[in-house]
C-alpha atoms as a PDB file:
ATOM      1  CA  MET A   1      26.166 -42.075 -12.512  1.00  0.00           C
ATOM      2  CA  LYS A   2      26.774 -43.495  -9.102  1.00  0.00           C
ATOM      3  CA  SER A   3      24.233 -45.729  -7.504  1.00  0.00           C
ATOM      4  CA  ARG A   4      23.701 -45.827  -3.826  1.00  0.00           C
ATOM      5  CA  LYS A   5      22.747 -48.856  -1.912  1.00  0.00           C
ATOM      6  CA  SER A   6      19.809 -48.291   0.405  1.00  0.00           C
ATOM      7  CA  LYS A   7      19.646 -49.818   3.820  1.00  0.00           C
ATOM      8  CA  PRO A   8      17.211 -52.674   4.222  1.00  0.00           C
ATOM      9  CA  LEU A   9      13.977 -51.651   5.889  1.00  0.00           C
ATOM     10  CA  ASN A  10      13.659 -54.694   8.095  1.00  0.00           C
ATOM     11  CA  LYS A  11      16.446 -53.759  10.493  1.00  0.00           C
ATOM     12  CA  PRO A  12      15.160 -52.771  13.878  1.00  0.00           C
ATOM     13  CA  ILE A  13      15.748 -49.160  14.800  1.00  0.00           C
ATOM     14  CA  ARG A  14      17.136 -48.808  18.294  1.00  0.00           C
ATOM     15  CA  ASN A  15      16.449 -46.079  20.756  1.00  0.00           C
ATOM     16  CA  SER A  16      13.283 -45.049  19.013  1.00  0.00           C
ATOM     17  CA  LYS A  17      10.149 -43.954  20.783  1.00  0.00           C
ATOM     18  CA  SER A  18       6.808 -45.157  19.597  1.00  0.00           C
ATOM     19  CA  THR A  19       3.865 -42.815  19.512  1.00  0.00           C
ATOM     20  CA  VAL A  20       0.237 -43.622  19.530  1.00  0.00           C
ATOM     21  CA  GLN A  21      -2.185 -41.316  17.776  1.00  0.00           C
ATOM     22  CA  ILE A  22      -5.854 -41.419  18.606  1.00  0.00           C
ATOM     23  CA  ALA A  23      -8.383 -39.719  16.403  1.00  0.00           C
ATOM     24  CA  GLU A  24     -11.975 -39.013  17.272  1.00  0.00           C
ATOM     25  CA  GLN A  25     -14.572 -38.222  14.695  1.00  0.00           C
ATOM     26  CA  THR A  26     -18.043 -37.010  15.378  1.00  0.00           C
ATOM     27  CA  THR A  27     -20.741 -36.934  12.717  1.00  0.00           C
ATOM     28  CA  LEU A  28     -23.900 -34.938  13.211  1.00  0.00           C
ATOM     29  CA  SER A  29     -27.016 -35.064  11.163  1.00  0.00           C
ATOM     30  CA  GLY A  30     -29.542 -32.252  11.241  1.00  0.00           C
ATOM     31  CA  PRO A  31     -29.589 -28.490  11.561  1.00  0.00           C
ATOM     32  CA  LEU A  32     -28.618 -28.294  15.252  1.00  0.00           C
ATOM     33  CA  PRO A  33     -25.012 -28.393  16.482  1.00  0.00           C
ATOM     34  CA  SER A  34     -23.947 -30.750  19.233  1.00  0.00           C
ATOM     35  CA  SER A  35     -24.714 -29.934  22.869  1.00  0.00           C
ATOM     36  CA  SER A  36     -21.051 -29.093  23.592  1.00  0.00           C
ATOM     37  CA  GLU A  37     -21.042 -26.578  20.754  1.00  0.00           C
ATOM     38  CA  MET A  38     -24.333 -25.175  21.980  1.00  0.00           C
ATOM     39  CA  GLU A  39     -22.731 -24.591  25.367  1.00  0.00           C
ATOM     40  CA  LYS A  40     -19.879 -22.726  23.670  1.00  0.00           C
ATOM     41  CA  TYR A  41     -22.373 -20.608  21.754  1.00  0.00           C
ATOM     42  CA  ASN A  42     -24.304 -19.936  24.956  1.00  0.00           C
ATOM     43  CA  ALA A  43     -21.083 -18.751  26.579  1.00  0.00           C
ATOM     44  CA  ILE A  44     -20.599 -16.259  23.754  1.00  0.00           C
ATOM     45  CA  SER A  45     -24.177 -15.082  23.729  1.00  0.00           C
ATOM     46  CA  PRO A  46     -27.390 -16.744  24.972  1.00  0.00           C
ATOM     47  CA  GLU A  47     -29.211 -15.161  22.051  1.00  0.00           C
ATOM     48  CA  LEU A  48     -27.189 -17.289  19.596  1.00  0.00           C
ATOM     49  CA  VAL A  49     -28.656 -20.542  20.939  1.00  0.00           C
ATOM     50  CA  ILE A  50     -32.191 -19.175  20.679  1.00  0.00           C
ATOM     51  CA  ARG A  51     -31.570 -18.008  17.113  1.00  0.00           C
ATOM     52  CA  ILE A  52     -30.084 -21.371  16.095  1.00  0.00           C
ATOM     53  CA  ILE A  53     -33.038 -23.278  17.528  1.00  0.00           C
ATOM     54  CA  SER A  54     -35.587 -20.946  15.908  1.00  0.00           C
ATOM     55  CA  MET A  55     -33.748 -21.342  12.585  1.00  0.00           C
ATOM     56  CA  ALA A  56     -34.008 -25.138  12.880  1.00  0.00           C
ATOM     57  CA  GLU A  57     -37.718 -24.864  13.706  1.00  0.00           C
ATOM     58  CA  ARG A  58     -38.352 -22.653  10.667  1.00  0.00           C
ATOM     59  CA  GLU A  59     -36.434 -25.026   8.421  1.00  0.00           C
ATOM     60  CA  ALA A  60     -38.415 -28.013   9.685  1.00  0.00           C
ATOM     61  CA  ALA A  61     -41.736 -26.149   9.207  1.00  0.00           C
ATOM     62  CA  ASN A  62     -40.730 -25.232   5.635  1.00  0.00           C
ATOM     63  CA  ARG A  63     -39.704 -28.805   4.852  1.00  0.00           C
ATOM     64  CA  HIS A  64     -43.059 -30.063   6.165  1.00  0.00           C
ATOM     65  CA  LYS A  65     -44.883 -27.484   4.060  1.00  0.00           C
ATOM     66  CA  LEU A  66     -43.024 -28.585   0.902  1.00  0.00           C
ATOM     67  CA  ASP A  67     -43.737 -32.249   1.620  1.00  0.00           C
ATOM     68  CA  LYS A  68     -47.447 -31.481   2.098  1.00  0.00           C
ATOM     69  CA  GLU A  69     -47.562 -29.505  -1.180  1.00  0.00           C
ATOM     70  CA  ALA A  70     -45.845 -32.370  -3.042  1.00  0.00           C
ATOM     71  CA  LEU A  71     -48.355 -34.829  -1.612  1.00  0.00           C
ATOM     72  CA  GLN A  72     -51.301 -32.606  -2.642  1.00  0.00           C
ATOM     73  CA  ALA A  73     -49.855 -32.299  -6.155  1.00  0.00           C
ATOM     74  CA  ASN A  74     -49.548 -36.111  -6.438  1.00  0.00           C
ATOM     75  CA  ILE A  75     -53.147 -36.521  -5.275  1.00  0.00           C
ATOM     76  CA  ALA A  76     -54.352 -33.969  -7.867  1.00  0.00           C
ATOM     77  CA  ILE A  77     -52.444 -35.762 -10.646  1.00  0.00           C
ATOM     78  CA  THR A  78     -53.899 -39.124  -9.647  1.00  0.00           C
ATOM     79  CA  ASP A  79     -57.419 -37.711  -9.533  1.00  0.00           C
ATOM     80  CA  LYS A  80     -56.992 -36.168 -12.993  1.00  0.00           C
ATOM     81  CA  GLN A  81     -55.677 -39.435 -14.460  1.00  0.00           C
ATOM     82  CA  PHE A  82     -58.604 -41.350 -12.927  1.00  0.00           C
ATOM     83  CA  SER A  83     -61.186 -38.908 -14.340  1.00  0.00           C
ATOM     84  CA  GLU A  84     -59.559 -39.051 -17.794  1.00  0.00           C
ATOM     85  CA  ARG A  85     -59.671 -42.845 -17.782  1.00  0.00           C
ATOM     86  CA  LYS A  86     -63.296 -42.848 -16.654  1.00  0.00           C
ATOM     87  CA  ARG A  87     -64.251 -40.353 -19.383  1.00  0.00           C
ATOM     88  CA  GLY A  88     -62.443 -42.470 -22.004  1.00  0.00           C
ATOM     89  CA  GLN A  89     -64.284 -45.601 -20.906  1.00  0.00           C
ATOM     90  CA  ILE A  90     -67.644 -43.833 -21.031  1.00  0.00           C
ATOM     91  CA  LEU A  91     -66.964 -42.435 -24.500  1.00  0.00           C
ATOM     92  CA  GLY A  92     -65.698 -45.827 -25.676  1.00  0.00           C
ATOM     93  CA  PHE A  93     -68.881 -47.469 -24.409  1.00  0.00           C
ATOM     94  CA  CYS A  94     -70.993 -44.836 -26.214  1.00  0.00           C
ATOM     95  CA  ILE A  95     -69.099 -45.291 -29.498  1.00  0.00           C
ATOM     96  CA  GLY A  96     -69.300 -49.059 -29.217  1.00  0.00           C
ATOM     97  CA  SER A  97     -73.014 -48.991 -28.445  1.00  0.00           C
ATOM     98  CA  LEU A  98     -73.700 -46.624 -31.353  1.00  0.00           C
ATOM     99  CA  GLY A  99     -71.666 -48.796 -33.734  1.00  0.00           C
ATOM    100  CA  LEU A 100     -73.493 -51.931 -32.662  1.00  0.00           C
ATOM    101  CA  LEU A 101     -76.878 -50.216 -32.915  1.00  0.00           C
ATOM    102  CA  CYS A 102     -76.014 -49.092 -36.440  1.00  0.00           C
ATOM    103  CA  SER A 103     -74.972 -52.647 -37.229  1.00  0.00           C
ATOM    104  CA  VAL A 104     -78.291 -54.009 -35.916  1.00  0.00           C
ATOM    105  CA  ALA A 105     -80.199 -51.361 -37.871  1.00  0.00           C
ATOM    106  CA  LEU A 106     -78.345 -52.213 -41.101  1.00  0.00           C
ATOM    107  CA  ALA A 107     -79.015 -55.938 -40.563  1.00  0.00           C
ATOM    108  CA  TRP A 108     -82.713 -55.164 -39.839  1.00  0.00           C
ATOM    109  CA  ILE A 109     -83.206 -53.371 -43.131  1.00  0.00           C
ATOM    110  CA  GLY A 110     -81.417 -56.106 -45.109  1.00  0.00           C
ATOM    111  CA  TYR A 111     -77.809 -54.998 -45.466  1.00  0.00           C
ATOM    112  CA  GLU A 112     -76.194 -57.936 -43.671  1.00  0.00           C
ATOM    113  CA  ASN A 113     -72.753 -57.524 -45.286  1.00  0.00           C
ATOM    114  CA  ALA A 114     -72.579 -53.854 -44.310  1.00  0.00           C
ATOM    115  CA  ALA A 115     -73.901 -54.692 -40.826  1.00  0.00           C
ATOM    116  CA  SER A 116     -71.155 -57.263 -40.281  1.00  0.00           C
ATOM    117  CA  ILE A 117     -68.485 -54.807 -41.492  1.00  0.00           C
ATOM    118  CA  VAL A 118     -69.737 -51.948 -39.257  1.00  0.00           C
ATOM    119  CA  GLY A 119     -70.241 -54.241 -36.224  1.00  0.00           C
ATOM    120  CA  GLY A 120     -66.956 -56.068 -36.671  1.00  0.00           C
ATOM    121  CA  SER A 121     -64.884 -52.935 -37.229  1.00  0.00           C
ATOM    122  CA  THR A 122     -66.502 -51.273 -34.200  1.00  0.00           C
ATOM    123  CA  VAL A 123     -65.741 -54.187 -31.898  1.00  0.00           C
ATOM    124  CA  ILE A 124     -62.256 -54.801 -33.301  1.00  0.00           C
ATOM    125  CA  GLY A 125     -61.395 -51.081 -33.202  1.00  0.00           C
ATOM    126  CA  LEU A 126     -62.504 -50.638 -29.595  1.00  0.00           C
ATOM    127  CA  VAL A 127     -60.768 -53.819 -28.447  1.00  0.00           C
ATOM    128  CA  GLY A 128     -57.631 -52.704 -30.275  1.00  0.00           C
ATOM    129  CA  VAL A 129     -57.701 -49.279 -28.607  1.00  0.00           C
ATOM    130  CA  PHE A 130     -58.203 -50.667 -25.117  1.00  0.00           C
ATOM    131  CA  VAL A 131     -55.588 -53.413 -25.529  1.00  0.00           C
ATOM    132  CA  THR A 132     -53.065 -50.915 -26.960  1.00  0.00           C
ATOM    133  CA  GLY A 133     -53.833 -48.476 -24.151  1.00  0.00           C
ATOM    134  CA  GLN A 134     -53.253 -51.179 -21.522  1.00  0.00           C
ATOM    135  CA  PHE A 135     -50.036 -52.286 -23.239  1.00  0.00           C
ATOM    136  CA  LEU A 136     -48.674 -48.702 -23.360  1.00  0.00           C
ATOM    137  CA  SER A 137     -49.700 -47.928 -19.744  1.00  0.00           C
ATOM    138  CA  ASN A 138     -47.831 -51.038 -18.514  1.00  0.00           C
ATOM    139  CA  LYS A 139     -44.639 -49.785 -20.155  1.00  0.00           C
END
């Protein structure tokens, strides 16, 4: 196989013309074309510009409607969570009060050991449920 020697690249090339290339890039955001494009559409048909603008208005109205529905759904979820927590706290208070009343009644009639077990388990159980609930809700 024959090998060819390549010419070094650092030699200046004579009689060459240099060219300059300029690129322009335009970025648009949104449903409407640029004003120059709108003028071109208007030259084709004035109705096209009206249709494009009405399409953009409908799209914006639909986006606002979806945002409003999402906000209403988030409010409904938050209200439901609040009412569930409130109901749980009320029921926990009722169970705790009933357990402590039973403990007092048992102590009153002379069953101190049973009263301490019922009262202690009621308090420890409720505290455990609320602490566990707070721990899980923070995760």
